[in-house]
Amino acid sequence: MSKRKNHSPEFKAKVALEALKGERTVAELASQFGVHPTMIHSWKRALLEDASGVFERGGKKTAEIDEEQVKELHAKIVG
């Protein structure tokens, strides 16, 4: 039984952008990048759905901080 691969967001974006270009088929891209065609379709759809977020006002979204988790982690570090 094989372990699932965890692909970086950069890799997913690269593959999805290649799929959007339409220069090669999804099957060709799947063979080139070593991923299943279904994943390429999924990444392409996610890219198209979230692309408008790149142009939202205010630039990048700030990460939400869970204060309780910060306290818990700080306690582990301090001892």
PDB file of N, CA and C in Angstrom:
ATOM      1  N   MET A   1       0.847  -1.177   0.000  1.00  0.00           N
ATOM      2  CA  MET A   1       0.000   0.000   0.000  1.00  0.00           C
ATOM      3  C   MET A   1       0.888   1.234   0.000  1.00  0.00           C
ATOM      4  N   SER A   2       0.611   2.169  -0.880  1.00  0.00           N
ATOM      5  CA  SER A   2       1.450   3.352  -0.990  1.00  0.00           C
ATOM      6  C   SER A   2       0.913   4.488  -0.128  1.00  0.00           C
ATOM      7  N   LYS A   3       1.840   5.347   0.291  1.00  0.00           N
ATOM      8  CA  LYS A   3       1.491   6.500   1.106  1.00  0.00           C
ATOM      9  C   LYS A   3       1.040   7.648   0.201  1.00  0.00           C
ATOM     10  N   ARG A   4       0.081   8.421   0.642  1.00  0.00           N
ATOM     11  CA  ARG A   4      -0.376   9.580  -0.120  1.00  0.00           C
ATOM     12  C   ARG A   4       0.717  10.629  -0.176  1.00  0.00           C
ATOM     13  N   LYS A   5       0.807  11.286  -1.315  1.00  0.00           N
ATOM     14  CA  LYS A   5       1.780  12.359  -1.479  1.00  0.00           C
ATOM     15  C   LYS A   5       1.140  13.670  -1.064  1.00  0.00           C
ATOM     16  N   ASN A   6       1.907  14.483  -0.379  1.00  0.00           N
ATOM     17  CA  ASN A   6       1.465  15.830  -0.024  1.00  0.00           C
ATOM     18  C   ASN A   6       2.191  16.799  -0.936  1.00  0.00           C
ATOM     19  N   HIS A   7       1.453  17.434  -1.823  1.00  0.00           N
ATOM     20  CA  HIS A   7       2.047  18.373  -2.760  1.00  0.00           C
ATOM     21  C   HIS A   7       1.961  19.785  -2.200  1.00  0.00           C
ATOM     22  N   SER A   8       2.992  20.555  -2.461  1.00  0.00           N
ATOM     23  CA  SER A   8       3.033  21.938  -1.972  1.00  0.00           C
ATOM     24  C   SER A   8       2.027  22.793  -2.744  1.00  0.00           C
ATOM     25  N   PRO A   9       1.586  23.880  -2.134  1.00  0.00           N
ATOM     26  CA  PRO A   9       0.681  24.788  -2.839  1.00  0.00           C
ATOM     27  C   PRO A   9       1.300  25.335  -4.125  1.00  0.00           C
ATOM     28  N   GLU A  10       2.609  25.539  -4.114  1.00  0.00           N
ATOM     29  CA  GLU A  10       3.292  26.033  -5.313  1.00  0.00           C
ATOM     30  C   GLU A  10       3.200  25.022  -6.450  1.00  0.00           C
ATOM     31  N   PHE A  11       3.385  23.749  -6.122  1.00  0.00           N
ATOM     32  CA  PHE A  11       3.300  22.692  -7.129  1.00  0.00           C
ATOM     33  C   PHE A  11       1.881  22.611  -7.696  1.00  0.00           C
ATOM     34  N   LYS A  12       0.895  22.660  -6.821  1.00  0.00           N
ATOM     35  CA  LYS A  12      -0.500  22.597  -7.259  1.00  0.00           C
ATOM     36  C   LYS A  12      -0.837  23.763  -8.177  1.00  0.00           C
ATOM     37  N   ALA A  13      -0.365  24.960  -7.817  1.00  0.00           N
ATOM     38  CA  ALA A  13      -0.626  26.141  -8.637  1.00  0.00           C
ATOM     39  C   ALA A  13       0.041  26.003 -10.001  1.00  0.00           C
ATOM     40  N   LYS A  14       1.255  25.492 -10.010  1.00  0.00           N
ATOM     41  CA  LYS A  14       1.981  25.313 -11.267  1.00  0.00           C
ATOM     42  C   LYS A  14       1.230  24.366 -12.200  1.00  0.00           C
ATOM     43  N   VAL A  15       0.786  23.236 -11.659  1.00  0.00           N
ATOM     44  CA  VAL A  15       0.066  22.249 -12.460  1.00  0.00           C
ATOM     45  C   VAL A  15      -1.276  22.816 -12.924  1.00  0.00           C
ATOM     46  N   ALA A  16      -1.993  23.494 -12.030  1.00  0.00           N
ATOM     47  CA  ALA A  16      -3.293  24.065 -12.385  1.00  0.00           C
ATOM     48  C   ALA A  16      -3.143  25.131 -13.478  1.00  0.00           C
ATOM     49  N   LEU A  17      -2.107  25.945 -13.387  1.00  0.00           N
ATOM     50  CA  LEU A  17      -1.886  26.962 -14.412  1.00  0.00           C
ATOM     51  C   LEU A  17      -1.551  26.336 -15.761  1.00  0.00           C
ATOM     52  N   GLU A  18      -0.786  25.254 -15.734  1.00  0.00           N
ATOM     53  CA  GLU A  18      -0.486  24.532 -16.974  1.00  0.00           C
ATOM     54  C   GLU A  18      -1.769  23.992 -17.592  1.00  0.00           C
ATOM     55  N   ALA A  19      -2.664  23.492 -16.740  1.00  0.00           N
ATOM     56  CA  ALA A  19      -3.940  22.964 -17.233  1.00  0.00           C
ATOM     57  C   ALA A  19      -4.789  24.087 -17.833  1.00  0.00           C
ATOM     58  N   LEU A  20      -4.753  25.261 -17.210  1.00  0.00           N
ATOM     59  CA  LEU A  20      -5.526  26.394 -17.716  1.00  0.00           C
ATOM     60  C   LEU A  20      -5.014  26.890 -19.064  1.00  0.00           C
ATOM     61  N   LYS A  21      -3.722  26.778 -19.281  1.00  0.00           N
ATOM     62  CA  LYS A  21      -3.152  27.209 -20.563  1.00  0.00           C
ATOM     63  C   LYS A  21      -3.763  26.440 -21.721  1.00  0.00           C
ATOM     64  N   GLY A  22      -4.040  25.153 -21.511  1.00  0.00           N
ATOM     65  CA  GLY A  22      -4.661  24.343 -22.546  1.00  0.00           C
ATOM     66  C   GLY A  22      -3.721  23.907 -23.657  1.00  0.00           C
ATOM     67  N   GLU A  23      -2.417  24.057 -23.442  1.00  0.00           N
ATOM     68  CA  GLU A  23      -1.458  23.662 -24.466  1.00  0.00           C
ATOM     69  C   GLU A  23      -1.298  22.143 -24.544  1.00  0.00           C
ATOM     70  N   ARG A  24      -1.547  21.470 -23.412  1.00  0.00           N
ATOM     71  CA  ARG A  24      -1.464  20.016 -23.360  1.00  0.00           C
ATOM     72  C   ARG A  24      -2.707  19.477 -22.670  1.00  0.00           C
ATOM     73  N   THR A  25      -3.010  18.219 -22.935  1.00  0.00           N
ATOM     74  CA  THR A  25      -4.191  17.607 -22.316  1.00  0.00           C
ATOM     75  C   THR A  25      -3.910  17.327 -20.847  1.00  0.00           C
ATOM     76  N   VAL A  26      -4.977  17.118 -20.106  1.00  0.00           N
ATOM     77  CA  VAL A  26      -4.842  16.789 -18.687  1.00  0.00           C
ATOM     78  C   VAL A  26      -4.096  15.462 -18.541  1.00  0.00           C
ATOM     79  N   ALA A  27      -4.338  14.530 -19.445  1.00  0.00           N
ATOM     80  CA  ALA A  27      -3.643  13.242 -19.391  1.00  0.00           C
ATOM     81  C   ALA A  27      -2.138  13.427 -19.578  1.00  0.00           C
ATOM     82  N   GLU A  28      -1.765  14.305 -20.485  1.00  0.00           N
ATOM     83  CA  GLU A  28      -0.339  14.576 -20.696  1.00  0.00           C
ATOM     84  C   GLU A  28       0.283  15.225 -19.469  1.00  0.00           C
ATOM     85  N   LEU A  29      -0.436  16.165 -18.870  1.00  0.00           N
ATOM     86  CA  LEU A  29       0.059  16.831 -17.663  1.00  0.00           C
ATOM     87  C   LEU A  29       0.168  15.842 -16.501  1.00  0.00           C
ATOM     88  N   ALA A  30      -0.803  14.966 -16.385  1.00  0.00           N
ATOM     89  CA  ALA A  30      -0.786  13.969 -15.316  1.00  0.00           C
ATOM     90  C   ALA A  30       0.438  13.084 -15.444  1.00  0.00           C
ATOM     91  N   SER A  31       0.747  12.690 -16.659  1.00  0.00           N
ATOM     92  CA  SER A  31       1.924  11.863 -16.898  1.00  0.00           C
ATOM     93  C   SER A  31       3.202  12.638 -16.593  1.00  0.00           C
ATOM     94  N   GLN A  32       3.257  13.882 -17.024  1.00  0.00           N
ATOM     95  CA  GLN A  32       4.446  14.708 -16.814  1.00  0.00           C
ATOM     96  C   GLN A  32       4.718  14.955 -15.334  1.00  0.00           C
ATOM     97  N   PHE A  33       3.672  15.303 -14.583  1.00  0.00           N
ATOM     98  CA  PHE A  33       3.848  15.680 -13.184  1.00  0.00           C
ATOM     99  C   PHE A  33       3.646  14.522 -12.203  1.00  0.00           C
ATOM    100  N   GLY A  34       3.218  13.371 -12.690  1.00  0.00           N
ATOM    101  CA  GLY A  34       3.068  12.205 -11.826  1.00  0.00           C
ATOM    102  C   GLY A  34       1.902  12.290 -10.863  1.00  0.00           C
ATOM    103  N   VAL A  35       0.817  12.897 -11.302  1.00  0.00           N
ATOM    104  CA  VAL A  35      -0.393  12.980 -10.466  1.00  0.00           C
ATOM    105  C   VAL A  35      -1.580  12.467 -11.264  1.00  0.00           C
ATOM    106  N   HIS A  36      -2.646  12.147 -10.574  1.00  0.00           N
ATOM    107  CA  HIS A  36      -3.850  11.630 -11.218  1.00  0.00           C
ATOM    108  C   HIS A  36      -4.606  12.779 -11.895  1.00  0.00           C
ATOM    109  N   PRO A  37      -5.181  12.538 -13.065  1.00  0.00           N
ATOM    110  CA  PRO A  37      -5.929  13.589 -13.761  1.00  0.00           C
ATOM    111  C   PRO A  37      -7.032  14.223 -12.921  1.00  0.00           C
ATOM    112  N   THR A  38      -7.662  13.440 -12.063  1.00  0.00           N
ATOM    113  CA  THR A  38      -8.713  13.973 -11.194  1.00  0.00           C
ATOM    114  C   THR A  38      -8.173  15.073 -10.290  1.00  0.00           C
ATOM    115  N   MET A  39      -6.933  14.906  -9.809  1.00  0.00           N
ATOM    116  CA  MET A  39      -6.326  15.926  -8.956  1.00  0.00           C
ATOM    117  C   MET A  39      -6.104  17.213  -9.745  1.00  0.00           C
ATOM    118  N   ILE A  40      -5.683  17.071 -10.987  1.00  0.00           N
ATOM    119  CA  ILE A  40      -5.456  18.261 -11.810  1.00  0.00           C
ATOM    120  C   ILE A  40      -6.758  19.014 -12.018  1.00  0.00           C
ATOM    121  N   HIS A  41      -7.837  18.292 -12.295  1.00  0.00           N
ATOM    122  CA  HIS A  41      -9.148  18.944 -12.456  1.00  0.00           C
ATOM    123  C   HIS A  41      -9.558  19.647 -11.161  1.00  0.00           C
ATOM    124  N   SER A  42      -9.303  19.012 -10.038  1.00  0.00           N
ATOM    125  CA  SER A  42      -9.657  19.576  -8.739  1.00  0.00           C
ATOM    126  C   SER A  42      -8.856  20.853  -8.460  1.00  0.00           C
ATOM    127  N   TRP A  43      -7.555  20.810  -8.709  1.00  0.00           N
ATOM    128  CA  TRP A  43      -6.704  21.975  -8.473  1.00  0.00           C
ATOM    129  C   TRP A  43      -7.067  23.111  -9.419  1.00  0.00           C
ATOM    130  N   LYS A  44      -7.392  22.780 -10.647  1.00  0.00           N
ATOM    131  CA  LYS A  44      -7.779  23.785 -11.639  1.00  0.00           C
ATOM    132  C   LYS A  44      -9.070  24.481 -11.200  1.00  0.00           C
ATOM    133  N   ARG A  45     -10.053  23.686 -10.753  1.00  0.00           N
ATOM    134  CA  ARG A  45     -11.321  24.238 -10.293  1.00  0.00           C
ATOM    135  C   ARG A  45     -11.104  25.136  -9.072  1.00  0.00           C
ATOM    136  N   ALA A  46     -10.262  24.691  -8.122  1.00  0.00           N
ATOM    137  CA  ALA A  46      -9.983  25.478  -6.924  1.00  0.00           C
ATOM    138  C   ALA A  46      -9.309  26.799  -7.285  1.00  0.00           C
ATOM    139  N   LEU A  47      -8.392  26.750  -8.240  1.00  0.00           N
ATOM    140  CA  LEU A  47      -7.715  27.959  -8.675  1.00  0.00           C
ATOM    141  C   LEU A  47      -8.701  28.953  -9.281  1.00  0.00           C
ATOM    142  N   LEU A  48      -9.582  28.469 -10.121  1.00  0.00           N
ATOM    143  CA  LEU A  48     -10.560  29.347 -10.756  1.00  0.00           C
ATOM    144  C   LEU A  48     -11.536  29.938  -9.738  1.00  0.00           C
ATOM    145  N   GLU A  49     -11.951  29.142  -8.759  1.00  0.00           N
ATOM    146  CA  GLU A  49     -12.906  29.612  -7.756  1.00  0.00           C
ATOM    147  C   GLU A  49     -12.301  30.657  -6.820  1.00  0.00           C
ATOM    148  N   ASP A  50     -11.013  30.505  -6.503  1.00  0.00           N
ATOM    149  CA  ASP A  50     -10.377  31.394  -5.532  1.00  0.00           C
ATOM    150  C   ASP A  50      -9.523  32.483  -6.164  1.00  0.00           C
ATOM    151  N   ALA A  51      -9.486  32.559  -7.475  1.00  0.00           N
ATOM    152  CA  ALA A  51      -8.627  33.536  -8.146  1.00  0.00           C
ATOM    153  C   ALA A  51      -9.005  34.971  -7.822  1.00  0.00           C
ATOM    154  N   SER A  52     -10.269  35.246  -7.625  1.00  0.00           N
ATOM    155  CA  SER A  52     -10.687  36.619  -7.339  1.00  0.00           C
ATOM    156  C   SER A  52     -10.128  37.113  -6.006  1.00  0.00           C
ATOM    157  N   GLY A  53      -9.814  36.206  -5.091  1.00  0.00           N
ATOM    158  CA  GLY A  53      -9.252  36.586  -3.799  1.00  0.00           C
ATOM    159  C   GLY A  53      -7.896  37.249  -3.914  1.00  0.00           C
ATOM    160  N   VAL A  54      -7.193  36.996  -4.983  1.00  0.00           N
ATOM    161  CA  VAL A  54      -5.887  37.601  -5.197  1.00  0.00           C
ATOM    162  C   VAL A  54      -6.015  39.111  -5.359  1.00  0.00           C
ATOM    163  N   PHE A  55      -7.137  39.552  -5.900  1.00  0.00           N
ATOM    164  CA  PHE A  55      -7.319  40.967  -6.208  1.00  0.00           C
ATOM    165  C   PHE A  55      -8.192  41.710  -5.203  1.00  0.00           C
ATOM    166  N   GLU A  56      -8.470  41.104  -4.063  1.00  0.00           N
ATOM    167  CA  GLU A  56      -9.283  41.765  -3.044  1.00  0.00           C
ATOM    168  C   GLU A  56      -8.498  42.920  -2.431  1.00  0.00           C
ATOM    169  N   ARG A  57      -9.230  43.930  -1.982  1.00  0.00           N
ATOM    170  CA  ARG A  57      -8.583  45.075  -1.337  1.00  0.00           C
ATOM    171  C   ARG A  57      -7.931  44.639  -0.033  1.00  0.00           C
ATOM    172  N   GLY A  58      -6.867  45.313   0.303  1.00  0.00           N
ATOM    173  CA  GLY A  58      -6.206  45.023   1.572  1.00  0.00           C
ATOM    174  C   GLY A  58      -5.087  44.021   1.447  1.00  0.00           C
ATOM    175  N   GLY A  59      -4.803  43.559   0.259  1.00  0.00           N
ATOM    176  CA  GLY A  59      -3.686  42.625   0.073  1.00  0.00           C
ATOM    177  C   GLY A  59      -3.973  41.267   0.660  1.00  0.00           C
ATOM    178  N   LYS A  60      -2.931  40.688   1.228  1.00  0.00           N
ATOM    179  CA  LYS A  60      -3.063  39.335   1.777  1.00  0.00           C
ATOM    180  C   LYS A  60      -3.912  39.338   3.039  1.00  0.00           C
ATOM    181  N   LYS A  61      -4.609  38.247   3.231  1.00  0.00           N
ATOM    182  CA  LYS A  61      -5.414  38.105   4.438  1.00  0.00           C
ATOM    183  C   LYS A  61      -4.489  37.826   5.615  1.00  0.00           C
ATOM    184  N   THR A  62      -4.833  38.393   6.760  1.00  0.00           N
ATOM    185  CA  THR A  62      -4.048  38.122   7.954  1.00  0.00           C
ATOM    186  C   THR A  62      -4.525  36.824   8.572  1.00  0.00           C
ATOM    187  N   ALA A  63      -3.598  36.099   9.117  1.00  0.00           N
ATOM    188  CA  ALA A  63      -3.935  34.823   9.736  1.00  0.00           C
ATOM    189  C   ALA A  63      -4.685  35.067  11.044  1.00  0.00           C
ATOM    190  N   GLU A  64      -5.694  34.267  11.274  1.00  0.00           N
ATOM    191  CA  GLU A  64      -6.432  34.371  12.524  1.00  0.00           C
ATOM    192  C   GLU A  64      -5.644  33.645  13.607  1.00  0.00           C
ATOM    193  N   ILE A  65      -5.489  34.298  14.749  1.00  0.00           N
ATOM    194  CA  ILE A  65      -4.696  33.736  15.828  1.00  0.00           C
ATOM    195  C   ILE A  65      -5.628  33.193  16.904  1.00  0.00           C
ATOM    196  N   ASP A  66      -5.411  31.955  17.247  1.00  0.00           N
ATOM    197  CA  ASP A  66      -6.171  31.315  18.314  1.00  0.00           C
ATOM    198  C   ASP A  66      -5.414  31.560  19.620  1.00  0.00           C
ATOM    199  N   GLU A  67      -5.909  32.523  20.407  1.00  0.00           N
ATOM    200  CA  GLU A  67      -5.217  32.927  21.631  1.00  0.00           C
ATOM    201  C   GLU A  67      -5.044  31.761  22.608  1.00  0.00           C
ATOM    202  N   GLU A  68      -6.030  30.900  22.685  1.00  0.00           N
ATOM    203  CA  GLU A  68      -5.950  29.757  23.597  1.00  0.00           C
ATOM    204  C   GLU A  68      -4.808  28.836  23.185  1.00  0.00           C
ATOM    205  N   GLN A  69      -4.664  28.606  21.903  1.00  0.00           N
ATOM    206  CA  GLN A  69      -3.595  27.744  21.402  1.00  0.00           C
ATOM    207  C   GLN A  69      -2.226  28.391  21.639  1.00  0.00           C
ATOM    208  N   VAL A  70      -2.152  29.709  21.493  1.00  0.00           N
ATOM    209  CA  VAL A  70      -0.897  30.415  21.744  1.00  0.00           C
ATOM    210  C   VAL A  70      -0.474  30.241  23.201  1.00  0.00           C
ATOM    211  N   LYS A  71      -1.429  30.383  24.121  1.00  0.00           N
ATOM    212  CA  LYS A  71      -1.132  30.213  25.551  1.00  0.00           C
ATOM    213  C   LYS A  71      -0.657  28.789  25.841  1.00  0.00           C
ATOM    214  N   GLU A  72      -1.324  27.833  25.222  1.00  0.00           N
ATOM    215  CA  GLU A  72      -0.979  26.425  25.420  1.00  0.00           C
ATOM    216  C   GLU A  72       0.429  26.126  24.901  1.00  0.00           C
ATOM    217  N   LEU A  73       0.754  26.623  23.730  1.00  0.00           N
ATOM    218  CA  LEU A  73       2.081  26.391  23.161  1.00  0.00           C
ATOM    219  C   LEU A  73       3.156  27.118  23.946  1.00  0.00           C
ATOM    220  N   HIS A  74       2.837  28.324  24.402  1.00  0.00           N
ATOM    221  CA  HIS A  74       3.805  29.087  25.213  1.00  0.00           C
ATOM    222  C   HIS A  74       4.106  28.342  26.511  1.00  0.00           C
ATOM    223  N   ALA A  75       3.088  27.754  27.105  1.00  0.00           N
ATOM    224  CA  ALA A  75       3.280  27.000  28.338  1.00  0.00           C
ATOM    225  C   ALA A  75       4.189  25.808  28.099  1.00  0.00           C
ATOM    226  N   LYS A  76       4.082  25.174  26.947  1.00  0.00           N
ATOM    227  CA  LYS A  76       4.945  24.031  26.617  1.00  0.00           C
ATOM    228  C   LYS A  76       6.394  24.472  26.446  1.00  0.00           C
ATOM    229  N   ILE A  77       6.586  25.645  25.852  1.00  0.00           N
ATOM    230  CA  ILE A  77       7.940  26.135  25.619  1.00  0.00           C
ATOM    231  C   ILE A  77       8.616  26.533  26.915  1.00  0.00           C
ATOM    232  N   VAL A  78       7.877  27.259  27.750  1.00  0.00           N
ATOM    233  CA  VAL A  78       8.425  27.757  29.011  1.00  0.00           C
ATOM    234  C   VAL A  78       8.659  26.593  29.973  1.00  0.00           C
ATOM    235  N   GLY A  79       7.787  25.637  29.945  1.00  0.00           N
ATOM    236  CA  GLY A  79       7.996  24.474  30.784  1.00  0.00           C
ATOM    237  C   GLY A  79       7.050  24.354  31.848  1.00  0.00           C
TER     238      GLY A  79
END
